[in-house]
Amino acid sequence: MPVIQANAVTLGVELRRGGEALQAANVLDPGDIVSVPRRSRHLIEVARVHALQGDWAATLATLDQAERTAPETARFNGWALELTHKLMDRPPGGEAAAVRCLAGRVGVR
């Protein structure tokens, strides 16, 4: 069941068990989550896993995917906004323009 697997990702992040959370994320195809807003929230959780592990390029890519999946979900999700702020402070190498573009789409200045 996709939503249960998505919850395993969130639980892993909340417990600061990045490896377990990433393993749970790798098992689930986000496209299997029928609800588009829920799919976007799952992707935001996966972005949190990447941030927890210090992989800012993957954090950016996953947040971008979450925003493109359901823009309104990313725009009003506290974790998405917080991660976007962090990305603006330290964009991955060569990705400053992509971070600024994402920030503009989610409303972070």
C-alpha atoms as a PDB file:
ATOM      1  CA  MET A   1       0.000   0.000   0.000  1.00  0.00           C
ATOM      2  CA  PRO A   2       1.689   3.225  -1.189  1.00  0.00           C
ATOM      3  CA  VAL A   3       0.471   5.523   1.584  1.00  0.00           C
ATOM      4  CA  ILE A   4       1.821   3.197   4.276  1.00  0.00           C
ATOM      5  CA  GLN A   5       5.210   3.177   2.550  1.00  0.00           C
ATOM      6  CA  ALA A   6       5.075   6.986   2.306  1.00  0.00           C
ATOM      7  CA  ASN A   7       4.413   7.115   6.045  1.00  0.00           C
ATOM      8  CA  ALA A   8       7.505   4.974   6.599  1.00  0.00           C
ATOM      9  CA  VAL A   9       9.544   7.709   4.896  1.00  0.00           C
ATOM     10  CA  THR A  10       8.061  10.378   7.156  1.00  0.00           C
ATOM     11  CA  LEU A  11       8.636   8.282  10.254  1.00  0.00           C
ATOM     12  CA  GLY A  12      12.263   7.694   9.272  1.00  0.00           C
ATOM     13  CA  VAL A  13      12.825  11.427   8.784  1.00  0.00           C
ATOM     14  CA  GLU A  14      11.172  12.335  12.072  1.00  0.00           C
ATOM     15  CA  LEU A  15      13.319   9.780  13.902  1.00  0.00           C
ATOM     16  CA  ARG A  16      16.432  11.129  12.107  1.00  0.00           C
ATOM     17  CA  ARG A  17      17.067   7.724  10.539  1.00  0.00           C
ATOM     18  CA  GLY A  18      18.043   8.912   7.092  1.00  0.00           C
ATOM     19  CA  GLY A  19      19.193   5.554   5.797  1.00  0.00           C
ATOM     20  CA  GLU A  20      15.937   3.842   6.721  1.00  0.00           C
ATOM     21  CA  ALA A  21      13.893   6.727   5.332  1.00  0.00           C
ATOM     22  CA  LEU A  22      15.804   6.687   2.052  1.00  0.00           C
ATOM     23  CA  GLN A  23      15.419   2.930   1.792  1.00  0.00           C
ATOM     24  CA  ALA A  24      11.652   3.281   2.268  1.00  0.00           C
ATOM     25  CA  ALA A  25      11.577   6.074  -0.329  1.00  0.00           C
ATOM     26  CA  ASN A  26      13.459   3.982  -2.878  1.00  0.00           C
ATOM     27  CA  VAL A  27      10.882   1.188  -2.617  1.00  0.00           C
ATOM     28  CA  LEU A  28       7.958   3.468  -3.483  1.00  0.00           C
ATOM     29  CA  ASP A  29       7.229   4.907  -6.904  1.00  0.00           C
ATOM     30  CA  PRO A  30       5.625   8.294  -6.174  1.00  0.00           C
ATOM     31  CA  GLY A  31       3.344   7.745  -9.166  1.00  0.00           C
ATOM     32  CA  ASP A  32       1.668   4.941  -7.217  1.00  0.00           C
ATOM     33  CA  ILE A  33       0.224   7.530  -4.818  1.00  0.00           C
ATOM     34  CA  VAL A  34      -3.136   8.340  -6.375  1.00  0.00           C
ATOM     35  CA  SER A  35      -3.775  11.635  -4.580  1.00  0.00           C
ATOM     36  CA  VAL A  36      -1.709  14.333  -6.285  1.00  0.00           C
ATOM     37  CA  PRO A  37      -1.384  16.545  -3.163  1.00  0.00           C
ATOM     38  CA  ARG A  38      -0.364  13.496  -1.106  1.00  0.00           C
ATOM     39  CA  ARG A  39       2.194  12.566  -3.773  1.00  0.00           C
ATOM     40  CA  SER A  40       3.666  16.059  -3.543  1.00  0.00           C
ATOM     41  CA  ARG A  41       3.800  15.837   0.274  1.00  0.00           C
ATOM     42  CA  HIS A  42       5.597  12.516  -0.041  1.00  0.00           C
ATOM     43  CA  LEU A  43       8.152  14.080  -2.372  1.00  0.00           C
ATOM     44  CA  ILE A  44       8.697  16.879   0.145  1.00  0.00           C
ATOM     45  CA  GLU A  45       9.384  14.216   2.778  1.00  0.00           C
ATOM     46  CA  VAL A  46      11.877  12.570   0.430  1.00  0.00           C
ATOM     47  CA  ALA A  47      13.535  15.980  -0.021  1.00  0.00           C
ATOM     48  CA  ARG A  48      13.802  16.167   3.780  1.00  0.00           C
ATOM     49  CA  VAL A  49      15.614  12.802   3.733  1.00  0.00           C
ATOM     50  CA  HIS A  50      18.114  14.117   1.208  1.00  0.00           C
ATOM     51  CA  ALA A  51      18.632  17.283   3.260  1.00  0.00           C
ATOM     52  CA  LEU A  52      19.118  15.196   6.403  1.00  0.00           C
ATOM     53  CA  GLN A  53      21.894  13.365   4.585  1.00  0.00           C
ATOM     54  CA  GLY A  54      23.422  16.592   3.225  1.00  0.00           C
ATOM     55  CA  ASP A  55      22.609  15.843  -0.420  1.00  0.00           C
ATOM     56  CA  TRP A  56      21.477  19.315  -1.485  1.00  0.00           C
ATOM     57  CA  ALA A  57      21.402  18.521  -5.215  1.00  0.00           C
ATOM     58  CA  ALA A  58      18.917  15.698  -4.577  1.00  0.00           C
ATOM     59  CA  THR A  59      17.002  17.951  -2.182  1.00  0.00           C
ATOM     60  CA  LEU A  60      16.616  20.547  -4.929  1.00  0.00           C
ATOM     61  CA  ALA A  61      15.636  17.995  -7.574  1.00  0.00           C
ATOM     62  CA  THR A  62      13.031  16.391  -5.323  1.00  0.00           C
ATOM     63  CA  LEU A  63      11.548  19.714  -4.179  1.00  0.00           C
ATOM     64  CA  ASP A  64      11.335  20.778  -7.800  1.00  0.00           C
ATOM     65  CA  GLN A  65       9.473  17.561  -8.602  1.00  0.00           C
ATOM     66  CA  ALA A  66       7.139  18.113  -5.634  1.00  0.00           C
ATOM     67  CA  GLU A  67       6.355  21.656  -6.766  1.00  0.00           C
ATOM     68  CA  ARG A  68       5.711  20.569 -10.339  1.00  0.00           C
ATOM     69  CA  THR A  69       3.455  17.772  -9.078  1.00  0.00           C
ATOM     70  CA  ALA A  70       1.217  20.025  -6.957  1.00  0.00           C
ATOM     71  CA  PRO A  71       2.345  23.671  -6.845  1.00  0.00           C
ATOM     72  CA  GLU A  72      -0.159  24.669  -4.171  1.00  0.00           C
ATOM     73  CA  THR A  73       1.007  21.887  -1.868  1.00  0.00           C
ATOM     74  CA  ALA A  74       4.637  22.983  -2.068  1.00  0.00           C
ATOM     75  CA  ARG A  75       3.710  26.645  -1.747  1.00  0.00           C
ATOM     76  CA  PHE A  76       1.944  26.100   1.577  1.00  0.00           C
ATOM     77  CA  ASN A  77       4.083  23.330   3.083  1.00  0.00           C
ATOM     78  CA  GLY A  78       6.350  24.548   5.872  1.00  0.00           C
ATOM     79  CA  TRP A  79       9.029  21.957   5.184  1.00  0.00           C
ATOM     80  CA  ALA A  80       9.164  22.847   1.485  1.00  0.00           C
ATOM     81  CA  LEU A  81       9.549  26.520   2.351  1.00  0.00           C
ATOM     82  CA  GLU A  82      12.201  25.861   4.990  1.00  0.00           C
ATOM     83  CA  LEU A  83      14.221  23.635   2.658  1.00  0.00           C
ATOM     84  CA  THR A  84      13.957  26.215  -0.108  1.00  0.00           C
ATOM     85  CA  HIS A  85      15.357  28.872   2.259  1.00  0.00           C
ATOM     86  CA  LYS A  86      18.246  26.551   3.107  1.00  0.00           C
ATOM     87  CA  LEU A  87      18.891  25.914  -0.573  1.00  0.00           C
ATOM     88  CA  MET A  88      19.012  29.657  -1.198  1.00  0.00           C
ATOM     89  CA  ASP A  89      21.640  29.990   1.541  1.00  0.00           C
ATOM     90  CA  ARG A  90      23.786  27.252   0.024  1.00  0.00           C
ATOM     91  CA  PRO A  91      22.734  26.250  -3.471  1.00  0.00           C
ATOM     92  CA  PRO A  92      24.297  23.107  -4.898  1.00  0.00           C
ATOM     93  CA  GLY A  93      27.179  23.793  -7.276  1.00  0.00           C
ATOM     94  CA  GLY A  94      25.972  25.368 -10.502  1.00  0.00           C
ATOM     95  CA  GLU A  95      22.329  25.293  -9.393  1.00  0.00           C
ATOM     96  CA  ALA A  96      21.825  28.838  -8.049  1.00  0.00           C
ATOM     97  CA  ALA A  97      19.523  29.749 -10.957  1.00  0.00           C
ATOM     98  CA  ALA A  98      17.432  26.609 -10.450  1.00  0.00           C
ATOM     99  CA  VAL A  99      17.130  27.390  -6.736  1.00  0.00           C
ATOM    100  CA  ARG A 100      16.021  30.964  -7.500  1.00  0.00           C
ATOM    101  CA  CYS A 101      13.453  29.647  -9.988  1.00  0.00           C
ATOM    102  CA  LEU A 102      12.062  27.177  -7.430  1.00  0.00           C
ATOM    103  CA  ALA A 103      12.040  29.872  -4.754  1.00  0.00           C
ATOM    104  CA  GLY A 104      10.038  32.149  -7.009  1.00  0.00           C
ATOM    105  CA  ARG A 105       7.500  29.445  -7.758  1.00  0.00           C
ATOM    106  CA  VAL A 106       6.944  28.624  -4.067  1.00  0.00           C
ATOM    107  CA  GLY A 107       6.968  32.254  -2.997  1.00  0.00           C
ATOM    108  CA  VAL A 108      10.272  32.373  -1.102  1.00  0.00           C
ATOM    109  CA  ARG A 109      12.249  35.585  -1.438  1.00  0.00           C
END
